[in-house]
Amino acid sequence: MSVPTAPPNAVPTDPAASGRSAQPTRLEAFVDAAFAFALTLLVISIDTIPESIGDLTAALKGVPAFALSFAVIAMFWYQHARWSRHYGSDRLAVTLLSLVLVFLVLIYVYPLKIVFSAAMATLSGGWLPSATRIDSLDDLVLVYRVYGLGWSAMWLCIVGLYWIAARDGQPTPQRAADIAANVAVGGVAIATGLVSVLIAGLLPAERSWVHGLPGIVYVAMNLAWPVSHLAARRAARIAAA
């Protein structure tokens, strides 16, 4: 799931330009380590070594779901790392939001793996395994809700960091455009997750063909590109006025 960030011409060029050291802080190092640990929780056969080629083949069938889950976790890490490079600060609010993000990702990793493994199992007709058995519509709705709320909450942390950045530093057109673009991306992401949660609660039991709709809703993330560009241009014009 690809999530765009700000337009390239809106990105600050150097952390030193904002008076920030290029060296990572202890908070950034902690966040990096926490994300790395979250990724290890996704690894196939994390507690055992396959004892036969059949076991290895079965384990390798989990690679597609692992790859998609890895991409989403890496995307959230990149969002935080990018913010830290260009706008990082030692404010208490930044520390709290970063710690909340770490807390959420360590919880989010499990529904993330369940959602993608279930999706791969459905698309492959059962050839690819599902990490967790989903026995009823209630189970499916719960997974969608946990996933959607986790997705939205993590994006809310990212947006919160950019809101803090908007209050600090010089409001140059370049800076304003970059912040506005990333806040717009986060806004689309938060709305997408909440819409998915809402739809999940309305799924009819008798119509199984619509049970994948809460997941399909995330295609709406493609709207983040045009919305972010519009927000960046508007913010740049306001800052330049």
Protein backbone atom coordinates (compact mmCIF):
# COMPACT_ATOMS: atom_id res chain seq x y z
CA MET A 1 0.00 0.00 0.00
CA SER A 2 1.82 3.04 -1.23
CA VAL A 3 1.25 6.27 0.64
CA PRO A 4 2.53 9.53 -0.86
CA THR A 5 4.31 12.21 1.07
CA ALA A 6 4.78 15.83 0.19
CA PRO A 7 5.60 16.97 -3.35
CA PRO A 8 9.39 16.67 -3.92
CA ASN A 9 9.85 20.41 -4.42
CA ALA A 10 8.29 21.09 -1.02
CA VAL A 11 10.78 19.04 1.00
CA PRO A 12 13.35 20.92 3.07
CA THR A 13 16.82 20.13 1.76
CA ASP A 14 18.92 19.82 4.89
CA PRO A 15 18.19 19.34 8.58
CA ALA A 16 21.04 21.72 9.36
CA ALA A 17 19.11 24.44 7.59
CA SER A 18 16.57 24.41 10.39
CA GLY A 19 19.26 24.45 13.06
CA ARG A 20 18.94 20.74 13.80
CA SER A 21 21.82 18.31 14.10
CA ALA A 22 22.05 15.57 11.49
CA GLN A 23 22.84 13.06 14.25
CA PRO A 24 19.89 10.95 15.44
CA THR A 25 18.59 11.68 18.94
CA ARG A 26 18.02 9.06 21.61
CA LEU A 27 14.28 9.28 20.92
CA GLU A 28 14.80 8.61 17.21
CA ALA A 29 17.11 5.70 17.99
CA PHE A 30 14.48 4.26 20.34
CA VAL A 31 11.74 4.62 17.72
CA ASP A 32 13.97 2.98 15.09
CA ALA A 33 14.69 0.05 17.43
CA ALA A 34 11.00 -0.35 18.27
CA PHE A 35 10.03 -0.46 14.60
CA ALA A 36 12.79 -2.97 13.93
CA PHE A 37 11.44 -5.14 16.75
CA ALA A 38 7.92 -4.87 15.31
CA LEU A 39 9.23 -6.14 11.99
CA THR A 40 10.78 -9.17 13.66
CA LEU A 41 7.32 -10.09 14.94
CA LEU A 42 6.24 -10.49 11.31
CA VAL A 43 9.04 -12.86 10.31
CA ILE A 44 7.95 -16.24 9.04
CA SER A 45 8.84 -19.19 11.33
CA ILE A 46 10.09 -16.81 13.99
CA ASP A 47 10.31 -19.50 16.68
CA THR A 48 11.21 -22.64 14.71
CA ILE A 49 13.45 -23.72 11.85
CA PRO A 50 11.64 -25.74 9.14
CA GLU A 51 12.47 -29.42 9.60
CA SER A 52 11.76 -30.45 6.02
CA ILE A 53 11.45 -29.02 2.53
CA GLY A 54 7.68 -29.32 2.92
CA ASP A 55 7.83 -27.19 6.06
CA LEU A 56 10.05 -24.67 4.26
CA THR A 57 7.61 -24.49 1.35
CA ALA A 58 4.73 -23.95 3.73
CA ALA A 59 6.66 -21.22 5.51
CA LEU A 60 7.56 -19.50 2.24
CA LYS A 61 3.88 -19.27 1.37
CA GLY A 62 3.67 -16.66 4.08
CA VAL A 63 6.12 -14.38 2.24
CA PRO A 64 3.50 -12.36 0.26
CA ALA A 65 1.58 -11.43 3.43
CA PHE A 66 4.87 -10.75 5.21
CA ALA A 67 6.05 -8.48 2.38
CA LEU A 68 2.85 -6.40 2.44
CA SER A 69 2.91 -6.13 6.23
CA PHE A 70 6.59 -5.19 6.10
CA ALA A 71 5.81 -2.43 3.60
CA VAL A 72 3.12 -0.88 5.82
CA ILE A 73 5.31 -0.92 8.94
CA ALA A 74 8.23 0.47 6.94
CA MET A 75 5.96 3.22 5.60
CA PHE A 76 5.08 4.37 9.13
CA TRP A 77 8.75 4.24 10.11
CA TYR A 78 9.63 6.35 7.08
CA GLN A 79 6.96 8.89 7.96
CA HIS A 80 8.45 9.36 11.43
CA ALA A 81 12.05 9.30 10.18
CA ARG A 82 11.29 11.89 7.51
CA TRP A 83 9.60 14.17 10.02
CA SER A 84 12.50 13.76 12.44
CA ARG A 85 15.06 14.63 9.79
CA HIS A 86 13.38 17.86 8.74
CA TYR A 87 11.47 19.03 11.82
CA GLY A 88 12.61 16.98 14.81
CA SER A 89 12.65 18.63 18.22
CA ASP A 90 12.97 17.71 21.89
CA ARG A 91 9.58 19.07 22.92
CA LEU A 92 7.58 16.97 25.36
CA ALA A 93 4.65 16.72 22.93
CA VAL A 94 6.98 15.25 20.29
CA THR A 95 8.30 12.66 22.73
CA LEU A 96 4.79 11.67 23.81
CA LEU A 97 3.49 11.35 20.24
CA SER A 98 6.54 9.29 19.26
CA LEU A 99 6.06 6.96 22.23
CA VAL A 100 2.36 6.58 21.44
CA LEU A 101 3.30 5.72 17.85
CA VAL A 102 5.69 3.03 19.10
CA PHE A 103 3.01 1.66 21.45
CA LEU A 104 0.49 1.50 18.63
CA VAL A 105 2.79 -0.16 16.10
CA LEU A 106 3.63 -2.95 18.53
CA ILE A 107 -0.10 -3.66 18.88
CA TYR A 108 -0.93 -3.00 15.23
CA VAL A 109 1.54 -5.57 13.93
CA TYR A 110 -0.78 -8.49 14.78
CA PRO A 111 -4.01 -7.33 13.10
CA LEU A 112 -1.84 -6.15 10.20
CA LYS A 113 -0.48 -9.66 9.64
CA ILE A 114 -3.94 -11.19 10.08
CA VAL A 115 -5.52 -8.86 7.51
CA PHE A 116 -2.89 -9.42 4.84
CA SER A 117 -2.59 -13.16 5.36
CA ALA A 118 -6.38 -13.52 5.19
CA ALA A 119 -6.44 -11.41 2.04
CA MET A 120 -3.73 -13.55 0.42
CA ALA A 121 -5.57 -16.73 1.40
CA THR A 122 -8.78 -15.42 -0.18
CA LEU A 123 -7.10 -14.24 -3.39
CA SER A 124 -5.19 -17.51 -3.80
CA GLY A 125 -8.21 -19.70 -3.10
CA GLY A 126 -6.58 -21.04 0.05
CA TRP A 127 -3.21 -21.93 -1.51
CA LEU A 128 -1.53 -19.25 0.57
CA PRO A 129 -2.17 -19.79 4.28
CA SER A 130 -3.98 -17.48 6.66
CA ALA A 131 -2.18 -16.69 9.91
CA THR A 132 -5.41 -16.78 11.91
CA ARG A 133 -8.65 -18.64 11.44
CA ILE A 134 -11.63 -16.32 10.94
CA ASP A 135 -14.73 -18.36 11.73
CA SER A 136 -17.54 -15.83 11.55
CA LEU A 137 -18.60 -12.40 10.36
CA ASP A 138 -18.15 -11.10 13.89
CA ASP A 139 -14.50 -12.22 13.79
CA LEU A 140 -14.00 -10.48 10.46
CA VAL A 141 -15.63 -7.26 11.67
CA LEU A 142 -13.41 -7.25 14.77
CA VAL A 143 -10.27 -7.62 12.65
CA TYR A 144 -11.34 -4.80 10.34
CA ARG A 145 -12.15 -2.55 13.28
CA VAL A 146 -8.87 -3.16 15.10
CA TYR A 147 -6.91 -2.68 11.88
CA GLY A 148 -8.78 0.49 10.90
CA LEU A 149 -8.54 2.07 14.33
CA GLY A 150 -4.84 1.24 14.55
CA TRP A 151 -4.21 2.66 11.09
CA SER A 152 -6.07 5.89 11.88
CA ALA A 153 -4.48 6.29 15.31
CA MET A 154 -0.96 5.90 13.94
CA TRP A 155 -1.63 8.42 11.20
CA LEU A 156 -3.06 10.77 13.81
CA CYS A 157 0.31 10.65 15.58
CA ILE A 158 2.08 11.55 12.33
CA VAL A 159 -0.32 14.43 11.67
CA GLY A 160 0.19 15.61 15.26
CA LEU A 161 3.93 15.81 14.67
CA TYR A 162 3.39 17.99 11.60
CA TRP A 163 1.00 20.22 13.50
CA ILE A 164 3.76 20.79 16.04
CA ALA A 165 6.18 21.57 13.21
CA ALA A 166 3.70 24.09 11.81
CA ARG A 167 3.86 26.03 15.07
CA ASP A 168 7.68 26.07 15.15
CA GLY A 169 10.20 27.61 12.80
CA GLN A 170 9.87 30.18 10.06
CA PRO A 171 6.66 29.91 7.98
CA THR A 172 8.44 29.96 4.60
CA PRO A 173 6.43 28.93 1.51
CA GLN A 174 8.54 25.77 1.15
CA ARG A 175 8.06 24.73 4.77
CA ALA A 176 4.35 25.58 4.76
CA ALA A 177 3.79 23.59 1.56
CA ASP A 178 5.58 20.51 2.89
CA ILE A 179 3.72 20.53 6.20
CA ALA A 180 0.35 21.11 4.57
CA ALA A 181 0.94 18.31 2.06
CA ASN A 182 1.82 15.80 4.77
CA VAL A 183 -1.09 16.84 6.98
CA ALA A 184 -3.38 16.36 3.95
CA VAL A 185 -1.99 12.86 3.36
CA GLY A 186 -2.57 12.04 7.02
CA GLY A 187 -6.08 13.44 6.88
CA VAL A 188 -6.98 11.22 3.93
CA ALA A 189 -5.44 8.21 5.70
CA ILE A 190 -7.32 8.84 8.95
CA ALA A 191 -10.61 9.30 7.13
CA THR A 192 -10.03 6.13 5.11
CA GLY A 193 -9.43 4.05 8.22
CA LEU A 194 -12.50 5.41 9.99
CA VAL A 195 -14.71 4.83 6.93
CA SER A 196 -13.44 1.24 6.80
CA VAL A 197 -14.34 0.77 10.48
CA LEU A 198 -17.81 2.20 9.86
CA ILE A 199 -18.46 -0.02 6.85
CA ALA A 200 -17.22 -3.09 8.74
CA GLY A 201 -19.95 -2.55 11.33
CA LEU A 202 -22.61 -2.50 8.60
CA LEU A 203 -21.65 -5.69 6.76
CA PRO A 204 -24.69 -7.91 6.10
CA ALA A 205 -24.17 -11.55 7.10
CA GLU A 206 -26.21 -12.85 4.15
CA ARG A 207 -24.09 -11.14 1.48
CA SER A 208 -20.60 -12.58 1.71
CA TRP A 209 -19.48 -10.92 -1.53
CA VAL A 210 -19.36 -7.52 0.21
CA HIS A 211 -17.28 -8.73 3.17
CA GLY A 212 -14.10 -7.48 1.52
CA LEU A 213 -15.43 -3.94 1.13
CA PRO A 214 -13.81 -2.54 4.32
CA GLY A 215 -10.45 -3.58 2.89
CA ILE A 216 -11.16 -2.26 -0.60
CA VAL A 217 -11.90 1.15 0.95
CA TYR A 218 -8.15 1.65 1.44
CA VAL A 219 -7.86 2.16 -2.32
CA ALA A 220 -9.10 5.66 -1.45
CA MET A 221 -5.55 6.39 -0.27
CA ASN A 222 -4.83 7.19 -3.93
CA LEU A 223 -6.70 10.44 -3.29
CA ALA A 224 -3.81 11.50 -1.05
CA TRP A 225 -1.74 12.49 -4.09
CA PRO A 226 -4.04 15.15 -5.56
CA VAL A 227 -5.21 16.33 -2.14
CA SER A 228 -1.63 16.80 -0.90
CA HIS A 229 -0.60 18.75 -4.00
CA LEU A 230 -3.61 21.06 -3.71
CA ALA A 231 -2.93 21.62 0.00
CA ALA A 232 0.76 22.33 -0.67
CA ARG A 233 0.04 24.92 -3.35
CA ARG A 234 -2.57 26.66 -1.20
CA ALA A 235 -0.28 26.76 1.86
CA ALA A 236 2.62 28.08 -0.21
CA ARG A 237 0.48 30.91 -1.61
CA ILE A 238 -0.72 31.88 1.86
CA ALA A 239 2.80 31.84 3.31
CA ALA A 240 4.13 33.92 0.42
CA ALA A 241 1.39 36.54 0.70
